[in-house]
Amino acid sequence: MKKTDQSNGRRNFLLQSAALTSGIAGIPFTSLLAKSEPMINDSELNIIGPKPGFTRQIGTLYSMMKWMREVVLNSINGLTIDELDYQIDEQSNSIGAMLYHLAATERYYQLNTFENLKWGSWDQSIKEKWDIGMNLGDTGREKIKGNDLQFYLDMLNETRQTTIDEFRKRDDGWLFTRDQDWPWGPTNNYCKWFHVCEHESNHNGQIKWIRKRIKS
């Protein structure tokens, strides 16, 4: 094969691959996404990167956290109290319990990274409010129930607003500050808050799995 034919072949392959990436059988990728994961109408939601009001790296982190939160909100949209309380079996957590857990996790990472408190060293009054959601287990299964969706949305929104307000006060130097004594090994604030983000992704998968199996 001539060299020009080889180049044309590679070019055609790349063009075809790009077409498959952006659309299948002529269907735009955005249309497929809209059908599977509808997003809130936010023109900047899918733009991951620096955001006004934050330093460059913190804004990028926040944009990822915001995107992930909207995915979770779509997964729980319209759930009733019975659906929020539903358990697959006696050892499983309900969707409501997992939402409480997400809020509790964010609150504890706030205390650790914004207030420089060693994990678990916060006041008893804080533990009384958040430990049940953080630890879940039998206590969580017994007590986290009977709440409507707005209860959990308020909890998630309140903790997230605190995170946003604190992010605005800090710079990228803070984000890259290392904790040498973290249980995983040396870990910076960026990693801790990225964990908060991917933690929501993990539980979002569980929430969607449970929702599909709720008995009508």
Protein backbone atom coordinates (compact mmCIF):
# COMPACT_ATOMS: atom_id res chain seq x y z
CA MET A 1 0.00 0.00 0.00
CA LYS A 2 1.28 3.42 -0.83
CA LYS A 3 2.21 5.79 1.97
CA THR A 4 -0.55 8.23 0.98
CA ASP A 5 -3.12 5.42 1.11
CA GLN A 6 -1.93 4.48 4.59
CA SER A 7 -2.27 8.09 5.71
CA ASN A 8 -5.75 8.32 4.22
CA GLY A 9 -6.73 5.06 5.93
CA ARG A 10 -5.58 6.31 9.29
CA ARG A 11 -7.36 9.62 8.71
CA ASN A 12 -10.61 7.87 7.77
CA PHE A 13 -10.35 5.61 10.81
CA LEU A 14 -9.90 8.61 13.10
CA LEU A 15 -12.83 10.40 11.50
CA GLN A 16 -15.02 7.33 11.91
CA SER A 17 -13.95 6.94 15.53
CA ALA A 18 -14.75 10.59 16.19
CA ALA A 19 -18.15 10.12 14.62
CA LEU A 20 -18.86 7.13 16.85
CA THR A 21 -17.69 9.09 19.87
CA SER A 22 -19.97 12.03 19.13
CA GLY A 23 -22.90 10.03 17.78
CA ILE A 24 -24.16 6.52 17.13
CA ALA A 25 -25.96 5.93 13.83
CA GLY A 26 -26.33 9.67 13.46
CA ILE A 27 -27.67 10.22 16.99
CA PRO A 28 -25.79 13.02 18.78
CA PHE A 29 -24.02 11.94 21.94
CA THR A 30 -25.77 14.72 23.86
CA SER A 31 -29.13 13.21 22.95
CA LEU A 32 -28.09 9.83 24.31
CA LEU A 33 -26.86 11.44 27.51
CA ALA A 34 -30.07 13.39 27.92
CA LYS A 35 -32.10 10.17 27.70
CA SER A 36 -30.03 8.28 30.24
CA GLU A 37 -29.00 10.99 32.71
CA PRO A 38 -31.10 14.17 32.38
CA MET A 39 -29.32 17.14 33.89
CA ILE A 40 -30.61 20.35 35.41
CA ASN A 41 -30.60 23.14 32.85
CA ASP A 42 -27.31 24.76 33.75
CA SER A 43 -25.28 25.96 30.81
CA GLU A 44 -22.03 25.68 32.79
CA LEU A 45 -22.72 22.36 34.50
CA ASN A 46 -20.79 20.28 31.98
CA ILE A 47 -17.82 22.65 31.88
CA ILE A 48 -15.29 21.17 34.27
CA GLY A 49 -12.66 23.72 35.17
CA PRO A 50 -12.00 26.99 37.01
CA LYS A 51 -15.08 28.88 38.22
CA PRO A 52 -15.61 32.54 39.16
CA GLY A 53 -15.21 33.23 42.86
CA PHE A 54 -12.74 30.41 43.47
CA THR A 55 -9.03 29.98 42.90
CA ARG A 56 -8.19 27.94 39.81
CA GLN A 57 -7.80 24.47 41.32
CA ILE A 58 -10.55 24.89 43.93
CA GLY A 59 -12.93 26.02 41.21
CA THR A 60 -12.09 22.95 39.15
CA LEU A 61 -12.69 20.69 42.14
CA TYR A 62 -15.97 22.43 42.89
CA SER A 63 -17.14 22.00 39.29
CA MET A 64 -16.62 18.24 39.60
CA MET A 65 -18.45 18.13 42.93
CA LYS A 66 -21.34 20.13 41.49
CA TRP A 67 -21.62 17.84 38.46
CA MET A 68 -21.66 14.75 40.68
CA ARG A 69 -24.26 16.25 43.01
CA GLU A 70 -26.62 16.95 40.11
CA VAL A 71 -26.34 13.29 39.09
CA VAL A 72 -27.35 12.23 42.61
CA LEU A 73 -30.26 14.67 42.63
CA ASN A 74 -31.51 13.21 39.36
CA SER A 75 -31.30 9.71 40.83
CA ILE A 76 -33.51 10.59 43.81
CA ASN A 77 -35.95 12.92 42.07
CA GLY A 78 -39.55 12.28 43.06
CA LEU A 79 -38.93 9.57 45.65
CA THR A 80 -41.64 9.08 48.26
CA ILE A 81 -41.08 8.42 51.96
CA ASP A 82 -41.78 4.72 51.46
CA GLU A 83 -39.24 4.58 48.62
CA LEU A 84 -36.64 6.47 50.65
CA ASP A 85 -37.14 4.00 53.51
CA TYR A 86 -37.14 0.86 51.37
CA GLN A 87 -34.51 -1.80 52.22
CA ILE A 88 -33.54 -4.68 49.98
CA ASP A 89 -32.96 -6.86 53.05
CA GLU A 90 -32.32 -6.59 56.78
CA GLN A 91 -28.63 -5.82 56.28
CA SER A 92 -28.98 -3.14 53.63
CA ASN A 93 -29.22 0.63 53.94
CA SER A 94 -32.14 2.60 52.58
CA ILE A 95 -31.73 5.40 50.04
CA GLY A 96 -32.65 7.88 52.75
CA ALA A 97 -29.92 6.52 55.00
CA MET A 98 -27.36 6.86 52.23
CA LEU A 99 -28.37 10.48 51.63
CA TYR A 100 -27.92 11.15 55.35
CA HIS A 101 -24.55 9.44 55.06
CA LEU A 102 -23.47 11.71 52.19
CA ALA A 103 -24.30 14.80 54.20
CA ALA A 104 -22.56 13.44 57.31
CA THR A 105 -19.42 12.60 55.33
CA GLU A 106 -19.24 16.11 53.92
CA ARG A 107 -19.76 17.62 57.36
CA TYR A 108 -16.94 15.61 58.89
CA TYR A 109 -14.54 16.48 56.07
CA GLN A 110 -15.42 20.12 56.65
CA LEU A 111 -14.44 19.83 60.30
CA ASN A 112 -11.21 18.05 59.41
CA THR A 113 -10.05 20.29 56.57
CA PHE A 114 -11.59 23.68 57.35
CA GLU A 115 -11.23 23.61 61.14
CA ASN A 116 -8.11 21.41 61.27
CA LEU A 117 -9.72 18.99 63.70
CA LYS A 118 -8.37 15.48 64.00
CA TRP A 119 -10.88 12.96 62.71
CA GLY A 120 -13.41 12.16 65.44
CA SER A 121 -12.23 14.84 67.85
CA TRP A 122 -15.26 17.10 67.39
CA ASP A 123 -17.78 17.95 70.09
CA GLN A 124 -20.29 15.41 71.33
CA SER A 125 -23.16 17.59 70.11
CA ILE A 126 -21.84 17.22 66.55
CA LYS A 127 -21.49 13.47 66.95
CA GLU A 128 -25.04 13.19 68.22
CA LYS A 129 -26.33 14.79 65.02
CA TRP A 130 -24.05 13.19 62.46
CA ASP A 131 -22.67 9.88 63.76
CA ILE A 132 -25.90 8.09 62.99
CA GLY A 133 -25.58 9.02 59.33
CA MET A 134 -21.84 8.49 59.21
CA ASN A 135 -21.85 5.04 60.77
CA LEU A 136 -25.26 3.72 59.60
CA GLY A 137 -25.50 0.02 60.57
CA ASP A 138 -28.33 -1.26 62.75
CA THR A 139 -28.80 2.11 64.46
CA GLY A 140 -29.15 3.85 61.15
CA ARG A 141 -31.62 1.27 59.88
CA GLU A 142 -33.70 1.73 63.02
CA LYS A 143 -33.71 5.52 63.24
CA ILE A 144 -33.25 6.95 59.75
CA LYS A 145 -36.76 6.60 58.40
CA GLY A 146 -40.00 8.48 58.01
CA ASN A 147 -38.38 11.54 56.43
CA ASP A 148 -39.57 13.03 53.17
CA LEU A 149 -37.25 13.90 50.29
CA GLN A 150 -37.10 17.57 51.24
CA PHE A 151 -35.61 16.61 54.62
CA TYR A 152 -32.62 15.04 52.89
CA LEU A 153 -32.36 17.77 50.25
CA ASP A 154 -32.19 20.42 52.97
CA MET A 155 -29.46 18.46 54.73
CA LEU A 156 -27.43 18.04 51.55
CA ASN A 157 -27.91 21.68 50.53
CA GLU A 158 -26.94 23.00 53.96
CA THR A 159 -23.71 21.06 54.14
CA ARG A 160 -22.82 21.85 50.53
CA GLN A 161 -23.39 25.58 51.01
CA THR A 162 -20.95 25.52 53.93
CA THR A 163 -18.39 23.83 51.68
CA ILE A 164 -18.88 26.45 48.97
CA ASP A 165 -18.55 29.32 51.45
CA GLU A 166 -15.35 27.84 52.90
CA PHE A 167 -13.87 27.08 49.47
CA ARG A 168 -14.25 30.75 48.57
CA LYS A 169 -12.08 31.73 51.55
CA ARG A 170 -9.19 29.48 50.56
CA ASP A 171 -6.51 29.27 47.91
CA ASP A 172 -4.79 26.51 45.96
CA GLY A 173 -1.99 26.39 48.50
CA TRP A 174 -4.50 25.21 51.10
CA LEU A 175 -5.88 22.65 48.65
CA PHE A 176 -2.45 21.08 48.22
CA THR A 177 -1.64 21.10 51.95
CA ARG A 178 -0.66 17.62 53.12
CA ASP A 179 -1.84 15.69 56.13
CA GLN A 180 1.06 13.41 56.98
CA ASP A 181 -0.91 11.45 59.58
CA TRP A 182 -3.97 10.54 57.53
CA PRO A 183 -4.94 6.84 57.85
CA TRP A 184 -4.38 6.24 54.10
CA GLY A 185 -0.90 7.75 54.31
CA PRO A 186 0.17 11.30 53.38
CA THR A 187 -2.92 12.92 51.82
CA ASN A 188 -3.61 16.48 50.73
CA ASN A 189 -6.86 18.40 51.00
CA TYR A 190 -7.40 17.99 47.27
CA CYS A 191 -7.49 14.21 47.67
CA LYS A 192 -9.78 14.42 50.68
CA TRP A 193 -12.32 16.52 48.83
CA PHE A 194 -12.01 14.49 45.65
CA HIS A 195 -12.90 11.52 47.85
CA VAL A 196 -16.06 13.35 48.95
CA CYS A 197 -16.91 13.66 45.25
CA GLU A 198 -16.20 10.06 44.25
CA HIS A 199 -17.90 8.88 47.42
CA GLU A 200 -21.14 10.33 46.04
CA SER A 201 -20.51 8.49 42.77
CA ASN A 202 -20.17 5.22 44.67
CA HIS A 203 -23.43 5.66 46.56
CA ASN A 204 -25.23 6.99 43.51
CA GLY A 205 -24.70 3.58 41.92
CA GLN A 206 -26.23 1.90 44.98
CA ILE A 207 -29.14 4.34 44.99
CA LYS A 208 -29.94 3.64 41.35
CA TRP A 209 -29.64 -0.11 41.91
CA ILE A 210 -32.07 0.02 44.85
CA ARG A 211 -34.52 2.31 43.09
CA LYS A 212 -34.89 -0.12 40.22
CA ARG A 213 -35.79 -2.89 42.70
CA ILE A 214 -38.29 -1.06 44.88
CA LYS A 215 -41.43 -3.12 45.09
CA SER A 216 -44.49 -1.26 43.88
